[in-house]
Amino acid sequence: MLNWLTSAQGIGFIAEVPYAGTLIWLLTGTLLVVGVIGSIVPLLPGPVLIFIAGILHTLLRPESGMSWPGMVILFLWLVLAFGMDFLSGALGARWFGASRWGVAGVVVGGIVGLFFAPIGFIVGPLAGALAFEMFFAKKRLQPAVKSTWGTLLGTGVGLVLRFIISLAMVATVLIDTLWW
């Protein structure tokens, strides 16, 4: 059935790959691609999907799976991605003059925003920063909006960093499964 494929120059190895192995690699590749997309799209948990791709590939295809050091590195990338998500908005707010109340508002707003996905991922920290600055830190509207703007910029920088970390996670999975 695949004679035309095996007779083509340089690609005869495709016929030798077991069918199950091909499906596992297809699943792994799909999860990696969706994970990278999910690092930008708020509704998809990108870094988590990439982590699941590496672990699932190792469980389903141990002969080409990840090594223990590779899985530890992948887990550390995942922790870093989550840390950047939580800290980026707060650090941006702090950089633009937010008080401790404003930073606390970013964190509380981010947690509350999780329940109102996907809009809540963006609006939650912003509303939390503005509300906490005005009501608890007793700031006027102008300084409160300035620190809220910092939250928005910090969240944007966090999004870019999460995308870069997701690419590093994909590289970790591919390097560990293909070359180690």
N, C-alpha and C. Protein backbone atom coordinates (compact mmCIF):
# COMPACT_ATOMS: atom_id res chain seq x y z
N MET A 1 0.82 -1.20 0.00
CA MET A 1 0.00 0.00 0.00
C MET A 1 0.86 1.26 0.00
N LEU A 2 1.97 1.22 0.68
CA LEU A 2 2.85 2.38 0.73
C LEU A 2 4.08 2.19 -0.16
N ASN A 3 3.97 1.38 -1.19
CA ASN A 3 5.11 1.12 -2.05
C ASN A 3 5.62 2.39 -2.72
N TRP A 4 4.72 3.26 -3.13
CA TRP A 4 5.16 4.50 -3.77
C TRP A 4 5.97 5.35 -2.81
N LEU A 5 5.63 5.26 -1.50
CA LEU A 5 6.34 6.06 -0.51
C LEU A 5 7.72 5.47 -0.21
N THR A 6 7.79 4.16 -0.13
CA THR A 6 9.08 3.54 0.19
C THR A 6 10.03 3.58 -1.00
N SER A 7 9.50 3.70 -2.19
CA SER A 7 10.38 3.75 -3.35
C SER A 7 10.92 5.16 -3.61
N ALA A 8 10.33 6.17 -3.01
CA ALA A 8 10.82 7.54 -3.18
C ALA A 8 12.17 7.69 -2.49
N GLN A 9 12.98 8.55 -3.02
CA GLN A 9 14.34 8.70 -2.49
C GLN A 9 14.32 9.36 -1.11
N GLY A 10 15.06 8.76 -0.19
CA GLY A 10 15.30 9.37 1.11
C GLY A 10 14.17 9.29 2.11
N ILE A 11 13.02 8.76 1.74
CA ILE A 11 11.93 8.72 2.71
C ILE A 11 11.42 7.30 2.94
N GLY A 12 12.24 6.32 2.71
CA GLY A 12 11.84 4.94 2.92
C GLY A 12 11.63 4.60 4.39
N PHE A 13 12.17 5.42 5.28
CA PHE A 13 12.02 5.14 6.70
C PHE A 13 10.59 5.28 7.18
N ILE A 14 9.75 6.01 6.46
CA ILE A 14 8.38 6.24 6.91
C ILE A 14 7.60 4.94 6.98
N ALA A 15 7.83 4.04 6.05
CA ALA A 15 7.12 2.77 6.05
C ALA A 15 7.55 1.89 7.21
N GLU A 16 8.72 2.14 7.77
CA GLU A 16 9.21 1.30 8.87
C GLU A 16 8.73 1.77 10.24
N VAL A 17 8.17 2.97 10.30
CA VAL A 17 7.67 3.48 11.57
C VAL A 17 6.37 2.77 11.90
N PRO A 18 6.27 2.19 13.09
CA PRO A 18 5.02 1.50 13.45
C PRO A 18 3.85 2.49 13.48
N TYR A 19 2.69 1.97 13.15
CA TYR A 19 1.49 2.80 13.09
C TYR A 19 1.20 3.46 14.44
N ALA A 20 1.33 2.72 15.53
CA ALA A 20 1.07 3.28 16.85
C ALA A 20 2.07 4.38 17.18
N GLY A 21 3.32 4.17 16.79
CA GLY A 21 4.33 5.19 17.03
C GLY A 21 4.02 6.48 16.29
N THR A 22 3.52 6.35 15.08
CA THR A 22 3.14 7.53 14.30
C THR A 22 2.01 8.28 14.98
N LEU A 23 1.03 7.56 15.49
CA LEU A 23 -0.08 8.22 16.18
C LEU A 23 0.39 8.93 17.46
N ILE A 24 1.31 8.30 18.16
CA ILE A 24 1.83 8.92 19.38
C ILE A 24 2.60 10.20 19.05
N TRP A 25 3.43 10.15 18.00
CA TRP A 25 4.15 11.35 17.59
C TRP A 25 3.17 12.43 17.10
N LEU A 26 2.10 12.02 16.43
CA LEU A 26 1.09 12.97 15.97
C LEU A 26 0.40 13.63 17.17
N LEU A 27 0.06 12.84 18.17
CA LEU A 27 -0.54 13.38 19.39
C LEU A 27 0.42 14.34 20.09
N THR A 28 1.69 13.93 20.21
CA THR A 28 2.68 14.78 20.85
C THR A 28 2.85 16.09 20.10
N GLY A 29 2.97 16.01 18.79
CA GLY A 29 3.14 17.22 17.98
C GLY A 29 1.94 18.14 18.07
N THR A 30 0.75 17.56 18.06
CA THR A 30 -0.47 18.36 18.18
C THR A 30 -0.52 19.09 19.52
N LEU A 31 -0.21 18.36 20.59
CA LEU A 31 -0.21 18.99 21.91
C LEU A 31 0.85 20.10 22.00
N LEU A 32 2.00 19.89 21.39
CA LEU A 32 3.04 20.92 21.41
C LEU A 32 2.60 22.17 20.66
N VAL A 33 2.00 21.99 19.49
CA VAL A 33 1.55 23.14 18.70
C VAL A 33 0.41 23.87 19.41
N VAL A 34 -0.56 23.13 19.90
CA VAL A 34 -1.68 23.76 20.63
C VAL A 34 -1.16 24.43 21.90
N GLY A 35 -0.13 23.85 22.53
CA GLY A 35 0.46 24.46 23.71
C GLY A 35 1.11 25.79 23.41
N VAL A 36 1.81 25.89 22.30
CA VAL A 36 2.42 27.17 21.92
C VAL A 36 1.34 28.19 21.61
N ILE A 37 0.30 27.78 20.90
CA ILE A 37 -0.82 28.69 20.63
C ILE A 37 -1.47 29.10 21.95
N GLY A 38 -1.62 28.14 22.85
CA GLY A 38 -2.24 28.41 24.14
C GLY A 38 -1.42 29.31 25.04
N SER A 39 -0.15 29.48 24.74
CA SER A 39 0.64 30.42 25.55
C SER A 39 0.26 31.86 25.24
N ILE A 40 -0.42 32.08 24.13
CA ILE A 40 -0.88 33.42 23.76
C ILE A 40 -2.37 33.57 23.98
N VAL A 41 -3.14 32.55 23.61
CA VAL A 41 -4.60 32.60 23.76
C VAL A 41 -4.95 32.36 25.23
N PRO A 42 -5.71 33.27 25.84
CA PRO A 42 -5.96 33.17 27.28
C PRO A 42 -6.71 31.92 27.74
N LEU A 43 -7.55 31.35 26.90
CA LEU A 43 -8.38 30.23 27.35
C LEU A 43 -7.64 28.91 27.40
N LEU A 44 -6.57 28.75 26.63
CA LEU A 44 -5.83 27.50 26.57
C LEU A 44 -4.64 27.53 27.53
N PRO A 45 -4.48 26.49 28.33
CA PRO A 45 -3.32 26.45 29.25
C PRO A 45 -2.07 25.96 28.52
N GLY A 46 -1.44 26.83 27.75
CA GLY A 46 -0.34 26.45 26.88
C GLY A 46 0.79 25.68 27.53
N PRO A 47 1.48 26.25 28.53
CA PRO A 47 2.59 25.52 29.13
C PRO A 47 2.18 24.17 29.74
N VAL A 48 0.97 24.09 30.25
CA VAL A 48 0.49 22.83 30.82
C VAL A 48 0.32 21.79 29.71
N LEU A 49 -0.20 22.19 28.57
CA LEU A 49 -0.36 21.26 27.45
C LEU A 49 1.00 20.76 26.95
N ILE A 50 1.99 21.64 26.93
CA ILE A 50 3.33 21.23 26.50
C ILE A 50 3.91 20.23 27.50
N PHE A 51 3.72 20.50 28.79
CA PHE A 51 4.19 19.59 29.83
C PHE A 51 3.50 18.23 29.69
N ILE A 52 2.20 18.23 29.47
CA ILE A 52 1.44 16.99 29.29
C ILE A 52 1.95 16.25 28.05
N ALA A 53 2.28 16.98 26.99
CA ALA A 53 2.80 16.34 25.78
C ALA A 53 4.07 15.57 26.08
N GLY A 54 4.98 16.18 26.82
CA GLY A 54 6.24 15.50 27.15
C GLY A 54 6.03 14.27 28.02
N ILE A 55 5.20 14.40 29.03
CA ILE A 55 4.95 13.28 29.95
C ILE A 55 4.17 12.17 29.25
N LEU A 56 3.14 12.55 28.51
CA LEU A 56 2.32 11.55 27.81
C LEU A 56 3.14 10.80 26.77
N HIS A 57 3.99 11.52 26.05
CA HIS A 57 4.85 10.86 25.06
C HIS A 57 5.77 9.84 25.75
N THR A 58 6.30 10.21 26.90
CA THR A 58 7.19 9.31 27.63
C THR A 58 6.44 8.08 28.12
N LEU A 59 5.21 8.24 28.57
CA LEU A 59 4.42 7.11 29.05
C LEU A 59 3.99 6.18 27.91
N LEU A 60 3.60 6.76 26.78
CA LEU A 60 3.09 5.96 25.68
C LEU A 60 4.18 5.36 24.80
N ARG A 61 5.32 6.00 24.77
CA ARG A 61 6.42 5.54 23.90
C ARG A 61 7.74 5.66 24.66
N PRO A 62 7.96 4.79 25.63
CA PRO A 62 9.14 4.90 26.49
C PRO A 62 10.47 4.80 25.73
N GLU A 63 10.48 4.08 24.60
CA GLU A 63 11.74 3.94 23.88
C GLU A 63 12.23 5.25 23.27
N SER A 64 11.33 6.20 23.05
CA SER A 64 11.76 7.51 22.56
C SER A 64 11.27 8.60 23.50
N GLY A 65 11.02 8.25 24.75
CA GLY A 65 10.50 9.21 25.72
C GLY A 65 11.57 10.10 26.30
N MET A 66 11.14 10.95 27.17
CA MET A 66 12.05 11.91 27.80
C MET A 66 12.82 11.24 28.93
N SER A 67 14.00 11.75 29.18
CA SER A 67 14.81 11.28 30.31
C SER A 67 14.34 11.99 31.58
N TRP A 68 14.76 11.48 32.73
CA TRP A 68 14.40 12.13 33.99
C TRP A 68 14.92 13.56 34.07
N PRO A 69 16.18 13.81 33.72
CA PRO A 69 16.63 15.21 33.74
C PRO A 69 15.82 16.10 32.80
N GLY A 70 15.42 15.56 31.65
CA GLY A 70 14.60 16.32 30.72
C GLY A 70 13.24 16.66 31.30
N MET A 71 12.64 15.70 32.01
CA MET A 71 11.34 15.96 32.64
C MET A 71 11.46 16.97 33.77
N VAL A 72 12.56 16.92 34.51
CA VAL A 72 12.78 17.91 35.58
C VAL A 72 12.93 19.30 34.98
N ILE A 73 13.70 19.41 33.89
CA ILE A 73 13.86 20.71 33.23
C ILE A 73 12.52 21.20 32.70
N LEU A 74 11.74 20.30 32.11
CA LEU A 74 10.41 20.67 31.61
C LEU A 74 9.52 21.16 32.74
N PHE A 75 9.58 20.50 33.89
CA PHE A 75 8.79 20.91 35.05
C PHE A 75 9.24 22.29 35.55
N LEU A 76 10.54 22.54 35.55
CA LEU A 76 11.05 23.84 35.99
C LEU A 76 10.61 24.95 35.04
N TRP A 77 10.58 24.66 33.74
CA TRP A 77 10.04 25.64 32.78
C TRP A 77 8.57 25.93 33.08
N LEU A 78 7.81 24.88 33.42
CA LEU A 78 6.39 25.05 33.74
C LEU A 78 6.21 25.93 34.97
N VAL A 79 7.00 25.69 36.01
CA VAL A 79 6.92 26.50 37.23
C VAL A 79 7.28 27.95 36.91
N LEU A 80 8.30 28.15 36.08
CA LEU A 80 8.70 29.50 35.69
C LEU A 80 7.58 30.21 34.92
N ALA A 81 6.91 29.47 34.03
CA ALA A 81 5.80 30.06 33.27
C ALA A 81 4.67 30.51 34.20
N PHE A 82 4.32 29.67 35.18
CA PHE A 82 3.28 30.05 36.13
C PHE A 82 3.72 31.22 36.99
N GLY A 83 4.97 31.21 37.41
CA GLY A 83 5.49 32.33 38.20
C GLY A 83 5.43 33.64 37.44
N MET A 84 5.78 33.59 36.16
CA MET A 84 5.73 34.80 35.34
C MET A 84 4.29 35.29 35.19
N ASP A 85 3.35 34.37 35.06
CA ASP A 85 1.95 34.77 34.94
C ASP A 85 1.49 35.56 36.16
N PHE A 86 1.83 35.06 37.34
CA PHE A 86 1.36 35.71 38.56
C PHE A 86 2.15 36.97 38.90
N LEU A 87 3.43 36.98 38.59
CA LEU A 87 4.26 38.11 39.00
C LEU A 87 4.31 39.26 38.00
N SER A 88 4.11 38.99 36.72
CA SER A 88 4.32 40.03 35.72
C SER A 88 3.40 41.23 35.92
N GLY A 89 2.13 41.00 36.14
CA GLY A 89 1.20 42.11 36.35
C GLY A 89 1.53 42.88 37.62
N ALA A 90 1.85 42.16 38.67
CA ALA A 90 2.18 42.82 39.94
C ALA A 90 3.47 43.61 39.83
N LEU A 91 4.47 43.07 39.15
CA LEU A 91 5.73 43.80 38.99
C LEU A 91 5.56 45.03 38.11
N GLY A 92 4.74 44.91 37.07
CA GLY A 92 4.44 46.07 36.23
C GLY A 92 3.73 47.16 37.00
N ALA A 93 2.77 46.77 37.83
CA ALA A 93 2.06 47.75 38.66
C ALA A 93 3.03 48.44 39.62
N ARG A 94 3.89 47.65 40.23
CA ARG A 94 4.85 48.20 41.19
C ARG A 94 5.81 49.17 40.49
N TRP A 95 6.23 48.84 39.27
CA TRP A 95 7.15 49.68 38.51
C TRP A 95 6.52 51.05 38.23
N PHE A 96 5.21 51.08 38.03
CA PHE A 96 4.51 52.33 37.74
C PHE A 96 3.92 52.98 38.98
N GLY A 97 4.44 52.62 40.14
CA GLY A 97 4.09 53.34 41.37
C GLY A 97 2.92 52.79 42.15
N ALA A 98 2.55 51.57 41.96
CA ALA A 98 1.45 51.01 42.73
C ALA A 98 1.90 50.77 44.17
N SER A 99 0.97 50.94 45.07
CA SER A 99 1.25 50.66 46.48
C SER A 99 1.15 49.15 46.71
N ARG A 100 1.40 48.75 47.93
CA ARG A 100 1.22 47.32 48.26
C ARG A 100 -0.23 46.91 48.07
N TRP A 101 -1.14 47.82 48.32
CA TRP A 101 -2.55 47.52 48.10
C TRP A 101 -2.82 47.27 46.62
N GLY A 102 -2.21 48.05 45.75
CA GLY A 102 -2.40 47.87 44.32
C GLY A 102 -1.88 46.52 43.85
N VAL A 103 -0.71 46.13 44.36
CA VAL A 103 -0.14 44.83 44.01
C VAL A 103 -1.04 43.71 44.53
N ALA A 104 -1.55 43.88 45.73
CA ALA A 104 -2.48 42.88 46.27
C ALA A 104 -3.75 42.82 45.42
N GLY A 105 -4.18 43.97 44.92
CA GLY A 105 -5.36 44.01 44.05
C GLY A 105 -5.14 43.27 42.75
N VAL A 106 -3.90 43.35 42.21
CA VAL A 106 -3.58 42.61 40.99
C VAL A 106 -3.72 41.11 41.25
N VAL A 107 -3.18 40.65 42.37
CA VAL A 107 -3.23 39.22 42.70
C VAL A 107 -4.66 38.77 42.94
N VAL A 108 -5.40 39.52 43.74
CA VAL A 108 -6.80 39.15 44.04
C VAL A 108 -7.64 39.21 42.77
N GLY A 109 -7.45 40.27 41.98
CA GLY A 109 -8.19 40.39 40.72
C GLY A 109 -7.86 39.27 39.75
N GLY A 110 -6.59 38.84 39.74
CA GLY A 110 -6.20 37.73 38.87
C GLY A 110 -6.87 36.43 39.28
N ILE A 111 -6.96 36.21 40.58
CA ILE A 111 -7.60 34.98 41.07
C ILE A 111 -9.10 35.00 40.78
N VAL A 112 -9.74 36.15 41.03
CA VAL A 112 -11.17 36.26 40.75
C VAL A 112 -11.42 36.17 39.24
N GLY A 113 -10.51 36.74 38.45
CA GLY A 113 -10.65 36.71 37.00
C GLY A 113 -10.62 35.32 36.41
N LEU A 114 -10.00 34.38 37.13
CA LEU A 114 -9.97 32.99 36.64
C LEU A 114 -11.38 32.42 36.46
N PHE A 115 -12.32 32.89 37.28
CA PHE A 115 -13.69 32.37 37.23
C PHE A 115 -14.51 33.01 36.11
N PHE A 116 -13.96 34.03 35.46
CA PHE A 116 -14.67 34.72 34.39
C PHE A 116 -13.87 34.69 33.09
N ALA A 117 -13.31 33.52 32.81
CA ALA A 117 -12.46 33.35 31.63
C ALA A 117 -13.28 33.54 30.37
N PRO A 118 -12.70 33.97 29.30
CA PRO A 118 -11.33 34.44 29.10
C PRO A 118 -11.15 35.93 29.39
N ILE A 119 -12.25 36.69 29.41
CA ILE A 119 -12.15 38.14 29.63
C ILE A 119 -11.60 38.43 31.03
N GLY A 120 -11.93 37.60 31.99
CA GLY A 120 -11.49 37.82 33.36
C GLY A 120 -9.99 37.74 33.54
N PHE A 121 -9.31 37.03 32.64
CA PHE A 121 -7.85 36.94 32.74
C PHE A 121 -7.20 38.31 32.58
N ILE A 122 -7.81 39.16 31.78
CA ILE A 122 -7.26 40.50 31.54
C ILE A 122 -7.92 41.53 32.44
N VAL A 123 -9.24 41.49 32.52
CA VAL A 123 -9.97 42.51 33.27
C VAL A 123 -9.78 42.34 34.78
N GLY A 124 -9.67 41.12 35.26
CA GLY A 124 -9.55 40.87 36.70
C GLY A 124 -8.39 41.59 37.36
N PRO A 125 -7.15 41.38 36.89
CA PRO A 125 -6.02 42.09 37.50
C PRO A 125 -6.12 43.62 37.37
N LEU A 126 -6.63 44.08 36.22
CA LEU A 126 -6.75 45.52 36.03
C LEU A 126 -7.78 46.12 37.00
N ALA A 127 -8.94 45.48 37.09
CA ALA A 127 -9.97 45.97 38.00
C ALA A 127 -9.51 45.86 39.45
N GLY A 128 -8.81 44.78 39.78
CA GLY A 128 -8.30 44.62 41.15
C GLY A 128 -7.31 45.70 41.51
N ALA A 129 -6.39 46.01 40.60
CA ALA A 129 -5.39 47.05 40.86
C ALA A 129 -6.06 48.41 41.05
N LEU A 130 -6.98 48.75 40.15
CA LEU A 130 -7.66 50.04 40.24
C LEU A 130 -8.49 50.15 41.51
N ALA A 131 -9.27 49.11 41.81
CA ALA A 131 -10.13 49.15 42.99
C ALA A 131 -9.33 49.22 44.28
N PHE A 132 -8.29 48.42 44.41
CA PHE A 132 -7.50 48.42 45.64
C PHE A 132 -6.73 49.73 45.80
N GLU A 133 -6.26 50.31 44.70
CA GLU A 133 -5.56 51.60 44.79
C GLU A 133 -6.51 52.71 45.24
N MET A 134 -7.72 52.69 44.73
CA MET A 134 -8.65 53.77 45.06
C MET A 134 -9.29 53.58 46.44
N PHE A 135 -9.67 52.36 46.77
CA PHE A 135 -10.43 52.16 48.01
C PHE A 135 -9.56 51.91 49.23
N PHE A 136 -8.48 51.16 49.07
CA PHE A 136 -7.66 50.82 50.23
C PHE A 136 -6.44 51.74 50.37
N ALA A 137 -5.81 52.09 49.25
CA ALA A 137 -4.64 52.97 49.32
C ALA A 137 -5.06 54.43 49.30
N LYS A 138 -6.35 54.70 49.08
CA LYS A 138 -6.92 56.05 49.07
C LYS A 138 -6.25 56.98 48.06
N LYS A 139 -5.90 56.44 46.90
CA LYS A 139 -5.31 57.25 45.84
C LYS A 139 -6.41 57.84 44.98
N ARG A 140 -6.10 58.97 44.39
CA ARG A 140 -7.02 59.58 43.45
C ARG A 140 -7.00 58.79 42.14
N LEU A 141 -7.89 59.17 41.24
CA LEU A 141 -8.06 58.42 40.01
C LEU A 141 -6.79 58.41 39.15
N GLN A 142 -6.12 59.55 38.98
CA GLN A 142 -4.95 59.63 38.11
C GLN A 142 -3.82 58.69 38.54
N PRO A 143 -3.36 58.73 39.81
CA PRO A 143 -2.30 57.78 40.19
C PRO A 143 -2.76 56.32 40.16
N ALA A 144 -4.03 56.09 40.46
CA ALA A 144 -4.55 54.72 40.43
C ALA A 144 -4.57 54.18 39.00
N VAL A 145 -4.93 55.04 38.04
CA VAL A 145 -4.94 54.62 36.63
C VAL A 145 -3.51 54.38 36.15
N LYS A 146 -2.56 55.18 36.63
CA LYS A 146 -1.15 55.00 36.24
C LYS A 146 -0.65 53.62 36.68
N SER A 147 -0.93 53.23 37.89
CA SER A 147 -0.48 51.92 38.35
C SER A 147 -1.25 50.79 37.65
N THR A 148 -2.50 51.06 37.29
CA THR A 148 -3.27 50.07 36.53
C THR A 148 -2.68 49.91 35.13
N TRP A 149 -2.22 51.00 34.54
CA TRP A 149 -1.55 50.94 33.25
C TRP A 149 -0.29 50.08 33.36
N GLY A 150 0.42 50.21 34.47
CA GLY A 150 1.59 49.36 34.72
C GLY A 150 1.22 47.89 34.79
N THR A 151 0.06 47.61 35.36
CA THR A 151 -0.42 46.23 35.40
C THR A 151 -0.63 45.69 33.99
N LEU A 152 -1.24 46.52 33.13
CA LEU A 152 -1.48 46.10 31.75
C LEU A 152 -0.16 45.85 31.02
N LEU A 153 0.79 46.75 31.18
CA LEU A 153 2.09 46.57 30.53
C LEU A 153 2.82 45.34 31.08
N GLY A 154 2.77 45.16 32.39
CA GLY A 154 3.41 43.99 32.99
C GLY A 154 2.78 42.70 32.51
N THR A 155 1.48 42.70 32.35
CA THR A 155 0.79 41.51 31.85
C THR A 155 1.19 41.24 30.40
N GLY A 156 1.35 42.28 29.61
CA GLY A 156 1.81 42.12 28.23
C GLY A 156 3.21 41.54 28.15
N VAL A 157 4.10 42.05 29.00
CA VAL A 157 5.46 41.51 29.04
C VAL A 157 5.42 40.05 29.51
N GLY A 158 4.56 39.76 30.47
CA GLY A 158 4.41 38.38 30.94
C GLY A 158 3.92 37.45 29.84
N LEU A 159 3.04 37.96 28.97
CA LEU A 159 2.55 37.17 27.84
C LEU A 159 3.68 36.83 26.88
N VAL A 160 4.53 37.81 26.59
CA VAL A 160 5.67 37.57 25.70
C VAL A 160 6.63 36.57 26.34
N LEU A 161 6.89 36.72 27.63
CA LEU A 161 7.80 35.79 28.32
C LEU A 161 7.22 34.38 28.38
N ARG A 162 5.90 34.28 28.58
CA ARG A 162 5.26 32.96 28.59
C ARG A 162 5.39 32.29 27.22
N PHE A 163 5.27 33.07 26.15
CA PHE A 163 5.45 32.54 24.80
C PHE A 163 6.87 32.03 24.61
N ILE A 164 7.85 32.80 25.05
CA ILE A 164 9.26 32.40 24.94
C ILE A 164 9.53 31.14 25.77
N ILE A 165 8.98 31.10 26.98
CA ILE A 165 9.14 29.91 27.83
C ILE A 165 8.49 28.70 27.18
N SER A 166 7.34 28.90 26.54
CA SER A 166 6.66 27.79 25.86
C SER A 166 7.51 27.26 24.71
N LEU A 167 8.15 28.14 23.98
CA LEU A 167 9.06 27.69 22.92
C LEU A 167 10.24 26.92 23.50
N ALA A 168 10.74 27.38 24.64
CA ALA A 168 11.84 26.66 25.30
C ALA A 168 11.37 25.28 25.78
N MET A 169 10.12 25.19 26.23
CA MET A 169 9.58 23.91 26.65
C MET A 169 9.47 22.95 25.47
N VAL A 170 9.00 23.45 24.33
CA VAL A 170 8.90 22.62 23.13
C VAL A 170 10.29 22.15 22.72
N ALA A 171 11.26 23.06 22.77
CA ALA A 171 12.64 22.69 22.42
C ALA A 171 13.16 21.62 23.38
N THR A 172 12.83 21.73 24.66
CA THR A 172 13.26 20.74 25.64
C THR A 172 12.68 19.36 25.31
N VAL A 173 11.40 19.32 24.99
CA VAL A 173 10.76 18.04 24.65
C VAL A 173 11.39 17.45 23.40
N LEU A 174 11.54 18.26 22.36
CA LEU A 174 12.06 17.73 21.09
C LEU A 174 13.51 17.32 21.20
N ILE A 175 14.33 18.12 21.86
CA ILE A 175 15.74 17.77 22.00
C ILE A 175 15.89 16.50 22.84
N ASP A 176 15.12 16.41 23.91
CA ASP A 176 15.25 15.24 24.78
C ASP A 176 14.72 13.97 24.12
N THR A 177 13.64 14.08 23.35
CA THR A 177 13.09 12.87 22.74
C THR A 177 13.80 12.47 21.46
N LEU A 178 14.35 13.41 20.73
CA LEU A 178 14.95 13.09 19.44
C LEU A 178 16.47 12.90 19.49
N TRP A 179 17.15 13.58 20.40
CA TRP A 179 18.59 13.53 20.36
C TRP A 179 19.25 12.94 21.60
N TRP A 180 18.57 12.78 22.69
CA TRP A 180 19.22 12.25 23.92
C TRP A 180 18.94 10.83 24.10
